[in-house]
Amino acid sequence: MTGELGPQKSRIPEFKSREEEAEWFDTHDMADYQDEFKTVKVRFAKNLSEGLTLRLDSRTLARLRALAHKKGIGPTTLARMWILERLQELESSSPGQRNNQK
């Protein structure tokens, strides 16, 4: 923001950590600082991924949900993380095997 005396100093302080910043934003009304924010244009890419339906018995699904809840994430996110981790493990443990398959 530019005034007669040049750029004005932000009323939003510098933060030493994300925790300090989160605490500040949790305790202040952003409407009071609206003039300090800039509007940005956002574009979202379409069709970045495809879906996969996975059927689990109720006991397994309950276990997955409980573990995900403990981690503070959703069960779909946890399952996706596990699948990606396992794929990476398999690919790194047998680097030549993937290229030799037909």
C-alpha atoms as a PDB file:
ATOM      1  CA  MET A   1       0.000   0.000   0.000  1.00  0.00           C
ATOM      2  CA  THR A   2       1.458   3.374  -0.970  1.00  0.00           C
ATOM      3  CA  GLY A   3       0.691   6.651   0.777  1.00  0.00           C
ATOM      4  CA  GLU A   4       2.007  10.200   0.472  1.00  0.00           C
ATOM      5  CA  LEU A   5       5.070   9.226   2.529  1.00  0.00           C
ATOM      6  CA  GLY A   6       5.819   6.031   0.624  1.00  0.00           C
ATOM      7  CA  PRO A   7       5.005   2.407   1.405  1.00  0.00           C
ATOM      8  CA  GLN A   8       3.335   1.870   4.761  1.00  0.00           C
ATOM      9  CA  LYS A   9       4.646  -0.729   7.176  1.00  0.00           C
ATOM     10  CA  SER A  10       2.417  -3.780   7.572  1.00  0.00           C
ATOM     11  CA  ARG A  11       0.386  -4.017  10.749  1.00  0.00           C
ATOM     12  CA  ILE A  12       0.834  -7.786  10.589  1.00  0.00           C
ATOM     13  CA  PRO A  13       4.004  -8.611  12.550  1.00  0.00           C
ATOM     14  CA  GLU A  14       6.917 -10.800  11.481  1.00  0.00           C
ATOM     15  CA  PHE A  15       6.761 -14.242  13.111  1.00  0.00           C
ATOM     16  CA  LYS A  16       9.545 -16.402  14.519  1.00  0.00           C
ATOM     17  CA  SER A  17       7.685 -19.678  13.957  1.00  0.00           C
ATOM     18  CA  ARG A  18       4.606 -21.161  12.311  1.00  0.00           C
ATOM     19  CA  GLU A  19       3.152 -21.759  15.757  1.00  0.00           C
ATOM     20  CA  GLU A  20       3.523 -18.069  16.652  1.00  0.00           C
ATOM     21  CA  GLU A  21       1.952 -17.084  13.325  1.00  0.00           C
ATOM     22  CA  ALA A  22      -0.940 -19.528  13.790  1.00  0.00           C
ATOM     23  CA  GLU A  23      -1.604 -18.175  17.288  1.00  0.00           C
ATOM     24  CA  TRP A  24      -1.657 -14.601  16.000  1.00  0.00           C
ATOM     25  CA  PHE A  25      -4.050 -15.393  13.134  1.00  0.00           C
ATOM     26  CA  ASP A  26      -6.274 -17.394  15.520  1.00  0.00           C
ATOM     27  CA  THR A  27      -6.630 -14.384  17.816  1.00  0.00           C
ATOM     28  CA  HIS A  28      -7.092 -11.572  15.275  1.00  0.00           C
ATOM     29  CA  ASP A  29      -9.962 -10.748  12.935  1.00  0.00           C
ATOM     30  CA  MET A  30      -8.725 -10.729   9.335  1.00  0.00           C
ATOM     31  CA  ALA A  31     -11.429  -8.204   8.409  1.00  0.00           C
ATOM     32  CA  ASP A  32      -9.375  -5.630  10.344  1.00  0.00           C
ATOM     33  CA  TYR A  33      -6.395  -6.288   8.043  1.00  0.00           C
ATOM     34  CA  GLN A  34      -8.219  -6.767   4.737  1.00  0.00           C
ATOM     35  CA  ASP A  35      -6.496  -3.774   3.146  1.00  0.00           C
ATOM     36  CA  GLU A  36      -3.122  -5.546   3.530  1.00  0.00           C
ATOM     37  CA  PHE A  37      -4.041  -8.612   1.500  1.00  0.00           C
ATOM     38  CA  LYS A  38      -3.785  -8.861  -2.271  1.00  0.00           C
ATOM     39  CA  THR A  39      -6.264 -10.695  -4.458  1.00  0.00           C
ATOM     40  CA  VAL A  40      -4.699 -13.586  -6.361  1.00  0.00           C
ATOM     41  CA  LYS A  41      -5.968 -15.497  -9.363  1.00  0.00           C
ATOM     42  CA  VAL A  42      -6.081 -19.242  -8.917  1.00  0.00           C
ATOM     43  CA  ARG A  43      -6.431 -21.912 -11.586  1.00  0.00           C
ATOM     44  CA  PHE A  44      -7.201 -25.499 -10.723  1.00  0.00           C
ATOM     45  CA  ALA A  45      -6.037 -28.290 -12.971  1.00  0.00           C
ATOM     46  CA  LYS A  46      -8.693 -30.776 -13.972  1.00  0.00           C
ATOM     47  CA  ASN A  47      -8.494 -34.552 -13.723  1.00  0.00           C
ATOM     48  CA  LEU A  48      -5.203 -34.808 -11.858  1.00  0.00           C
ATOM     49  CA  SER A  49      -6.018 -38.280 -10.640  1.00  0.00           C
ATOM     50  CA  GLU A  50      -8.299 -41.209 -11.144  1.00  0.00           C
ATOM     51  CA  GLY A  51     -10.402 -42.968  -8.560  1.00  0.00           C
ATOM     52  CA  LEU A  52     -10.107 -46.508  -7.308  1.00  0.00           C
ATOM     53  CA  THR A  53     -12.856 -48.324  -5.456  1.00  0.00           C
ATOM     54  CA  LEU A  54     -11.575 -50.562  -2.696  1.00  0.00           C
ATOM     55  CA  ARG A  55     -13.891 -52.813  -0.719  1.00  0.00           C
ATOM     56  CA  LEU A  56     -12.978 -53.750   2.848  1.00  0.00           C
ATOM     57  CA  ASP A  57     -14.835 -55.775   5.443  1.00  0.00           C
ATOM     58  CA  SER A  58     -16.290 -53.705   8.288  1.00  0.00           C
ATOM     59  CA  ARG A  59     -13.659 -54.785  10.853  1.00  0.00           C
ATOM     60  CA  THR A  60     -10.746 -53.853   8.569  1.00  0.00           C
ATOM     61  CA  LEU A  61     -12.356 -50.532   7.692  1.00  0.00           C
ATOM     62  CA  ALA A  62     -12.913 -49.769  11.380  1.00  0.00           C
ATOM     63  CA  ARG A  63      -9.238 -50.499  12.106  1.00  0.00           C
ATOM     64  CA  LEU A  64      -8.155 -48.269   9.211  1.00  0.00           C
ATOM     65  CA  ARG A  65     -10.407 -45.457  10.418  1.00  0.00           C
ATOM     66  CA  ALA A  66      -9.118 -45.760  13.992  1.00  0.00           C
ATOM     67  CA  LEU A  67      -5.467 -45.626  12.895  1.00  0.00           C
ATOM     68  CA  ALA A  68      -6.148 -42.689  10.589  1.00  0.00           C
ATOM     69  CA  HIS A  69      -7.970 -40.852  13.384  1.00  0.00           C
ATOM     70  CA  LYS A  70      -4.949 -41.305  15.685  1.00  0.00           C
ATOM     71  CA  LYS A  71      -2.764 -39.714  12.994  1.00  0.00           C
ATOM     72  CA  GLY A  72      -5.257 -36.894  12.437  1.00  0.00           C
ATOM     73  CA  ILE A  73      -5.931 -37.786   8.804  1.00  0.00           C
ATOM     74  CA  GLY A  74      -8.715 -39.457   6.875  1.00  0.00           C
ATOM     75  CA  PRO A  75      -8.725 -43.184   6.141  1.00  0.00           C
ATOM     76  CA  THR A  76      -8.472 -42.596   2.386  1.00  0.00           C
ATOM     77  CA  THR A  77      -5.375 -40.461   2.869  1.00  0.00           C
ATOM     78  CA  LEU A  78      -3.782 -43.101   5.106  1.00  0.00           C
ATOM     79  CA  ALA A  79      -4.514 -45.907   2.632  1.00  0.00           C
ATOM     80  CA  ARG A  80      -3.116 -43.812  -0.246  1.00  0.00           C
ATOM     81  CA  MET A  81       0.057 -43.084   1.792  1.00  0.00           C
ATOM     82  CA  TRP A  82       0.538 -46.778   2.515  1.00  0.00           C
ATOM     83  CA  ILE A  83       0.054 -47.762  -1.116  1.00  0.00           C
ATOM     84  CA  LEU A  84       2.545 -45.153  -2.328  1.00  0.00           C
ATOM     85  CA  GLU A  85       5.086 -46.153   0.346  1.00  0.00           C
ATOM     86  CA  ARG A  86       4.775 -49.827  -0.544  1.00  0.00           C
ATOM     87  CA  LEU A  87       5.104 -49.161  -4.278  1.00  0.00           C
ATOM     88  CA  GLN A  88       8.237 -47.142  -3.629  1.00  0.00           C
ATOM     89  CA  GLU A  89       9.669 -49.913  -1.420  1.00  0.00           C
ATOM     90  CA  LEU A  90       9.010 -52.535  -4.082  1.00  0.00           C
ATOM     91  CA  GLU A  91      10.470 -50.418  -6.871  1.00  0.00           C
ATOM     92  CA  SER A  92      13.625 -49.521  -4.922  1.00  0.00           C
ATOM     93  CA  SER A  93      14.232 -53.105  -3.721  1.00  0.00           C
ATOM     94  CA  SER A  94      14.285 -54.535  -7.244  1.00  0.00           C
ATOM     95  CA  PRO A  95      15.433 -51.818  -9.668  1.00  0.00           C
ATOM     96  CA  GLY A  96      16.266 -54.105 -12.619  1.00  0.00           C
ATOM     97  CA  GLN A  97      13.235 -56.323 -12.278  1.00  0.00           C
ATOM     98  CA  ARG A  98      10.783 -53.656 -13.409  1.00  0.00           C
ATOM     99  CA  ASN A  99      12.627 -53.043 -16.683  1.00  0.00           C
ATOM    100  CA  ASN A 100      12.894 -56.758 -17.490  1.00  0.00           C
ATOM    101  CA  GLN A 101       9.158 -57.452 -17.226  1.00  0.00           C
ATOM    102  CA  LYS A 102       7.200 -57.759 -20.465  1.00  0.00           C
END
